[in-house]
Amino acid sequence: MSLFIIASFTGICFYLHSVIRDYYRVLPLDLSKLEQYTSLGNKYIHNTKDLSTENGNYLWIYIQRDEMREAWNKRSDIPFDSLDRKNQRIVNTLVRFLTSKGLRKDAGGVNRLSQNEVEAIGNGVSNVIFIREFSFRGRIYEFLWGYDEYRKSANPSGSSIMQRIEFWKASVNIIKDNWLTGVGTGDMNEAFQQQYEKMHSQLAPDKRWRSHNQFLSIFVGFGIIGLIWFLISVFYPPIVTGKFNDYFFLIFFIIAMLSMIPGDTIESQAGVTFFAFFYSFLMWGRKEEDVF
């Protein structure tokens, strides 16, 4: 078991290193010898000052917006000068997607997209890696892109993880001013909005949410007194009854606690029902322990 754990951890580290290396790898290209005209005779725009990349390809070179607009409008019901289904500008999503495939941002590049890829771009998919419904590599790329954008512009909107970090920063700042008794559950929304304004946050108004972390949420609402009471209420019963020795209860408890780190688990009806039912059922409903 120890060897299996060590091997698994080592494999994960190598995989992460490989993905991160590929993300930051830049394909060799002489920026001083870029072609100036498309196959249709229109002039390209090359921004060689912004060296952002997508899958190793430079993002802001070989751009011909007029050709992209005409070719895109022939292939999609979503107009080029509008937003995709994630409320992002189509042009930005399209430029990123074409770059991720190593295609030029002109009529030729748009016409080389499959119809499935055109639909994906309309749905807000900005990289060919993300086109799969679930991909570990895609998730890591999405995080790295959001992190780079946040580092350059302090705008966390490009990644759900960066947005959560912004939520947590706001929570910590509120806690600093109300650490003893909190702001109260009725004033949490107002407290967060005021804190985002104080931080000059670049989050869009419709994304300025609360903690998205159950422990921080309790701390903000009830202060250190409420947080301690919450932790005692959750941990004390299984400690006294010895339920942490019960495999089924322990697995449920770990899952529930982990779910409270990226989300406000017990502040939704589904979350509080899940937690209350299985906590009570596995705590008092199982009369006999399993024998191994």
Protein backbone atom coordinates (compact mmCIF):
# COMPACT_ATOMS: atom_id res chain seq x y z
CA MET A 1 0.00 0.00 0.00
CA SER A 2 2.84 2.38 0.84
CA LEU A 3 4.55 1.65 -2.48
CA PHE A 4 1.24 2.16 -4.30
CA ILE A 5 0.69 5.54 -2.60
CA ILE A 6 4.26 6.67 -3.34
CA ALA A 7 4.01 5.51 -6.97
CA SER A 8 0.65 7.24 -7.42
CA PHE A 9 1.92 10.50 -5.94
CA THR A 10 5.05 10.35 -8.10
CA GLY A 11 2.97 9.68 -11.21
CA ILE A 12 0.68 12.62 -10.45
CA CYS A 13 3.69 14.92 -9.97
CA PHE A 14 5.22 13.84 -13.29
CA TYR A 15 1.87 14.32 -15.04
CA LEU A 16 1.39 17.82 -13.59
CA HIS A 17 4.96 18.74 -14.52
CA SER A 18 4.37 17.52 -18.08
CA VAL A 19 1.11 19.49 -18.46
CA ILE A 20 2.56 22.70 -17.00
CA ARG A 21 5.67 22.38 -19.20
CA ASP A 22 3.49 21.93 -22.30
CA TYR A 23 1.33 24.90 -21.32
CA TYR A 24 4.28 27.29 -21.06
CA ARG A 25 6.14 25.81 -24.05
CA VAL A 26 6.34 28.23 -26.98
CA LEU A 27 6.74 26.86 -30.49
CA PRO A 28 9.75 28.43 -32.26
CA LEU A 29 8.79 31.23 -34.63
CA ASP A 30 10.81 34.14 -36.04
CA LEU A 31 8.58 37.15 -35.32
CA SER A 32 10.66 39.31 -37.65
CA LYS A 33 9.71 37.22 -40.68
CA LEU A 34 5.93 37.02 -40.40
CA GLU A 35 3.90 36.97 -43.60
CA GLN A 36 2.03 40.24 -44.15
CA TYR A 37 -0.90 39.18 -46.35
CA THR A 38 -3.50 36.40 -46.31
CA SER A 39 -4.12 34.02 -49.20
CA LEU A 40 -6.97 36.38 -50.20
CA GLY A 41 -4.61 39.36 -50.34
CA ASN A 42 -5.75 41.12 -47.14
CA LYS A 43 -3.22 42.53 -44.68
CA TYR A 44 -2.63 40.73 -41.37
CA ILE A 45 -2.38 42.47 -38.01
CA HIS A 46 0.56 41.30 -35.88
CA ASN A 47 0.87 42.35 -32.25
CA THR A 48 4.36 41.21 -31.32
CA LYS A 49 4.39 43.15 -28.05
CA ASP A 50 1.82 40.86 -26.43
CA LEU A 51 3.46 37.43 -26.43
CA SER A 52 0.55 35.54 -24.88
CA THR A 53 0.25 32.00 -26.19
CA GLU A 54 -2.34 29.26 -26.53
CA ASN A 55 -0.98 25.69 -26.72
CA GLY A 56 2.44 27.12 -27.59
CA ASN A 57 1.20 29.35 -30.43
CA TYR A 58 1.35 33.14 -30.29
CA LEU A 59 -2.13 34.56 -29.77
CA TRP A 60 -2.08 37.98 -31.41
CA ILE A 61 -0.37 37.37 -34.73
CA TYR A 62 -1.83 36.48 -38.14
CA ILE A 63 -5.14 38.23 -37.41
CA GLN A 64 -7.51 39.37 -40.17
CA ARG A 65 -10.76 40.38 -38.49
CA ASP A 66 -12.76 41.17 -41.64
CA GLU A 67 -12.07 37.72 -43.07
CA MET A 68 -12.88 36.06 -39.75
CA ARG A 69 -16.15 38.00 -39.50
CA GLU A 70 -17.32 37.04 -42.98
CA ALA A 71 -16.32 33.38 -42.69
CA TRP A 72 -17.75 33.04 -39.17
CA ASN A 73 -21.11 34.61 -40.03
CA LYS A 74 -21.49 32.08 -42.85
CA ARG A 75 -20.95 29.15 -40.48
CA SER A 76 -22.67 30.17 -37.26
CA ASP A 77 -26.02 31.58 -36.18
CA ILE A 78 -24.22 33.64 -33.51
CA PRO A 79 -23.01 36.93 -35.08
CA PHE A 80 -19.28 37.64 -35.00
CA ASP A 81 -19.82 41.01 -33.26
CA SER A 82 -21.75 39.54 -30.33
CA LEU A 83 -21.30 37.29 -27.29
CA ASP A 84 -21.03 33.54 -27.01
CA ARG A 85 -23.22 31.52 -24.66
CA LYS A 86 -20.83 32.25 -21.76
CA ASN A 87 -21.25 36.00 -22.35
CA GLN A 88 -17.73 36.30 -23.77
CA ARG A 89 -16.98 38.16 -27.01
CA ILE A 90 -17.11 35.69 -29.87
CA VAL A 91 -14.03 37.26 -31.47
CA ASN A 92 -11.91 36.55 -28.38
CA THR A 93 -13.17 32.98 -28.05
CA LEU A 94 -12.60 32.37 -31.76
CA VAL A 95 -9.09 33.84 -31.74
CA ARG A 96 -8.10 31.67 -28.77
CA PHE A 97 -9.60 28.53 -30.30
CA LEU A 98 -7.94 29.02 -33.69
CA THR A 99 -4.62 29.73 -31.97
CA SER A 100 -4.94 26.59 -29.85
CA LYS A 101 -5.16 24.56 -33.08
CA GLY A 102 -2.22 26.38 -34.67
CA LEU A 103 -4.47 28.00 -37.29
CA ARG A 104 -4.26 31.55 -38.57
CA LYS A 105 -7.03 33.96 -37.62
CA ASP A 106 -8.38 34.51 -41.13
CA ALA A 107 -10.98 33.02 -43.48
CA GLY A 108 -8.83 29.96 -44.10
CA GLY A 109 -8.52 29.22 -40.39
CA VAL A 110 -12.26 29.58 -39.74
CA ASN A 111 -13.13 27.39 -42.73
CA ARG A 112 -10.86 24.62 -41.47
CA LEU A 113 -12.93 24.27 -38.29
CA SER A 114 -15.33 21.35 -38.09
CA GLN A 115 -19.00 22.06 -37.47
CA ASN A 116 -18.65 20.51 -34.03
CA GLU A 117 -15.85 22.99 -33.25
CA VAL A 118 -17.96 25.91 -34.51
CA GLU A 119 -20.73 24.84 -32.10
CA ALA A 120 -18.22 24.53 -29.28
CA ILE A 121 -16.91 28.06 -29.88
CA GLY A 122 -20.48 29.35 -29.80
CA ASN A 123 -20.83 27.64 -26.43
CA GLY A 124 -17.79 29.52 -25.11
CA VAL A 125 -15.12 26.82 -25.53
CA SER A 126 -11.88 28.71 -26.10
CA ASN A 127 -9.34 25.91 -26.55
CA VAL A 128 -9.48 22.67 -28.51
CA ILE A 129 -8.37 20.84 -25.36
CA PHE A 130 -11.55 22.00 -23.58
CA ILE A 131 -13.81 20.52 -26.22
CA ARG A 132 -14.00 17.23 -24.35
CA GLU A 133 -16.70 17.12 -21.71
CA PHE A 134 -14.12 16.40 -19.00
CA SER A 135 -10.35 16.50 -19.29
CA PHE A 136 -7.76 16.75 -16.50
CA ARG A 137 -5.37 18.45 -18.90
CA GLY A 138 -8.12 20.90 -19.88
CA ARG A 139 -8.88 21.71 -16.24
CA ILE A 140 -5.22 22.37 -15.53
CA TYR A 141 -4.91 24.54 -18.67
CA GLU A 142 -8.02 26.47 -17.64
CA PHE A 143 -6.54 27.13 -14.20
CA LEU A 144 -3.16 28.21 -15.61
CA TRP A 145 -4.83 30.56 -18.13
CA GLY A 146 -6.96 32.12 -15.39
CA TYR A 147 -3.93 32.45 -13.12
CA ASP A 148 -1.86 34.18 -15.82
CA GLU A 149 -4.71 36.58 -16.62
CA TYR A 150 -5.22 37.31 -12.91
CA ARG A 151 -1.50 37.92 -12.45
CA LYS A 152 -1.36 40.33 -15.41
CA SER A 153 -4.61 42.23 -14.95
CA ALA A 154 -5.87 41.40 -11.42
CA ASN A 155 -9.10 40.32 -13.13
CA PRO A 156 -10.22 36.92 -11.76
CA SER A 157 -13.11 36.49 -14.21
CA GLY A 158 -11.13 34.13 -16.46
CA SER A 159 -11.13 31.23 -14.00
CA SER A 160 -13.58 29.88 -11.44
CA ILE A 161 -10.63 29.09 -9.17
CA MET A 162 -9.33 32.66 -9.36
CA GLN A 163 -12.86 33.88 -8.63
CA ARG A 164 -12.95 31.73 -5.51
CA ILE A 165 -9.63 33.20 -4.40
CA GLU A 166 -11.21 36.64 -4.79
CA PHE A 167 -14.21 35.48 -2.71
CA TRP A 168 -11.85 34.18 -0.02
CA LYS A 169 -9.83 37.42 0.00
CA ALA A 170 -13.04 39.38 0.54
CA SER A 171 -14.05 36.96 3.32
CA VAL A 172 -10.73 37.30 5.12
CA ASN A 173 -10.90 41.11 4.97
CA ILE A 174 -14.44 41.09 6.40
CA ILE A 175 -13.33 38.72 9.16
CA LYS A 176 -10.47 41.04 10.13
CA ASP A 177 -13.01 43.76 10.99
CA ASN A 178 -15.64 41.46 12.56
CA TRP A 179 -13.67 38.52 13.92
CA LEU A 180 -15.45 38.16 17.26
CA THR A 181 -19.17 37.98 16.47
CA GLY A 182 -19.26 38.29 12.67
CA VAL A 183 -21.58 40.49 10.61
CA GLY A 184 -24.70 38.35 11.12
CA THR A 185 -26.39 36.19 8.51
CA GLY A 186 -28.78 38.96 7.46
CA ASP A 187 -26.00 41.39 6.58
CA MET A 188 -23.61 39.06 4.73
CA ASN A 189 -24.66 40.06 1.22
CA GLU A 190 -24.28 43.75 1.98
CA ALA A 191 -20.96 43.18 3.75
CA PHE A 192 -19.54 41.38 0.72
CA GLN A 193 -20.69 44.03 -1.74
CA GLN A 194 -19.12 46.75 0.40
CA GLN A 195 -15.90 44.76 0.66
CA TYR A 196 -15.65 44.23 -3.11
CA GLU A 197 -16.01 48.00 -3.58
CA LYS A 198 -13.36 48.63 -0.94
CA MET A 199 -11.00 46.17 -2.68
CA HIS A 200 -11.71 47.77 -6.09
CA SER A 201 -12.37 44.23 -7.31
CA GLN A 202 -12.59 43.72 -11.07
CA LEU A 203 -15.19 40.99 -10.64
CA ALA A 204 -18.33 41.69 -12.65
CA PRO A 205 -21.26 42.77 -10.42
CA ASP A 206 -23.17 39.54 -11.16
CA LYS A 207 -20.17 37.47 -10.00
CA ARG A 208 -19.56 39.19 -6.67
CA TRP A 209 -20.69 36.26 -4.57
CA ARG A 210 -20.19 35.19 -1.00
CA SER A 211 -17.42 33.02 0.46
CA HIS A 212 -17.85 29.77 -1.48
CA ASN A 213 -16.20 28.15 1.51
CA GLN A 214 -18.41 26.91 4.34
CA PHE A 215 -15.89 27.55 7.11
CA LEU A 216 -15.20 31.10 5.96
CA SER A 217 -18.95 31.66 5.54
CA ILE A 218 -19.61 30.62 9.14
CA PHE A 219 -16.70 32.79 10.30
CA VAL A 220 -18.02 35.83 8.40
CA GLY A 221 -21.57 35.39 9.67
CA PHE A 222 -20.96 34.37 13.29
CA GLY A 223 -17.35 35.29 14.09
CA ILE A 224 -14.85 33.13 15.93
CA ILE A 225 -17.46 32.15 18.53
CA GLY A 226 -19.80 30.80 15.87
CA LEU A 227 -17.00 29.00 14.00
CA ILE A 228 -15.82 27.22 17.16
CA TRP A 229 -19.40 26.21 17.98
CA PHE A 230 -19.91 24.93 14.43
CA LEU A 231 -16.73 22.82 14.56
CA ILE A 232 -17.64 21.41 17.98
CA SER A 233 -21.14 20.54 16.75
CA VAL A 234 -19.75 18.67 13.75
CA PHE A 235 -16.71 16.94 15.30
CA TYR A 236 -17.79 16.26 18.90
CA PRO A 237 -20.54 13.62 18.29
CA PRO A 238 -18.40 11.23 16.19
CA ILE A 239 -15.46 11.63 18.59
CA VAL A 240 -17.61 10.70 21.60
CA THR A 241 -19.39 7.81 19.85
CA GLY A 242 -16.24 6.51 18.17
CA LYS A 243 -17.81 6.81 14.72
CA PHE A 244 -14.53 7.86 13.17
CA ASN A 245 -13.65 4.15 13.45
CA ASP A 246 -16.64 3.33 11.21
CA TYR A 247 -15.50 3.11 7.59
CA PHE A 248 -18.80 4.34 6.10
CA PHE A 249 -19.17 7.30 8.43
CA LEU A 250 -15.52 8.28 8.01
CA ILE A 251 -15.75 8.24 4.19
CA PHE A 252 -18.94 10.33 4.27
CA PHE A 253 -17.39 12.77 6.75
CA ILE A 254 -14.27 13.26 4.62
CA ILE A 255 -16.39 13.87 1.50
CA ALA A 256 -18.62 16.34 3.35
CA MET A 257 -15.69 18.28 4.83
CA LEU A 258 -13.89 18.45 1.48
CA SER A 259 -17.06 19.74 -0.19
CA MET A 260 -17.10 22.63 2.29
CA ILE A 261 -13.73 23.95 1.09
CA PRO A 262 -14.76 25.07 -2.44
CA GLY A 263 -18.44 25.67 -1.66
CA ASP A 264 -21.08 26.71 0.89
CA THR A 265 -22.37 23.14 1.22
CA ILE A 266 -24.99 23.59 3.91
CA GLU A 267 -26.30 26.91 2.61
CA SER A 268 -28.29 25.24 -0.17
CA GLN A 269 -31.29 22.97 0.26
CA ALA A 270 -29.61 20.09 -1.55
CA GLY A 271 -26.40 20.48 0.46
CA VAL A 272 -27.98 20.72 3.89
CA THR A 273 -30.30 17.76 3.15
CA PHE A 274 -27.33 15.65 2.02
CA PHE A 275 -25.31 16.53 5.11
CA ALA A 276 -28.08 16.27 7.70
CA PHE A 277 -29.50 12.98 6.39
CA PHE A 278 -26.28 11.01 5.96
CA TYR A 279 -24.66 12.47 9.10
CA SER A 280 -27.66 11.40 11.21
CA PHE A 281 -28.23 8.09 9.40
CA LEU A 282 -24.62 6.93 9.61
CA MET A 283 -24.21 8.28 13.15
CA TRP A 284 -27.26 6.65 14.75
CA GLY A 285 -28.91 4.46 12.11
CA ARG A 286 -26.20 1.79 11.87
CA LYS A 287 -26.37 -0.43 14.95
CA GLU A 288 -23.68 -2.97 14.09
CA GLU A 289 -20.13 -2.42 13.06
CA ASP A 290 -18.72 -4.23 10.03
CA VAL A 291 -16.42 -7.14 10.77
CA PHE A 292 -13.34 -7.50 8.59
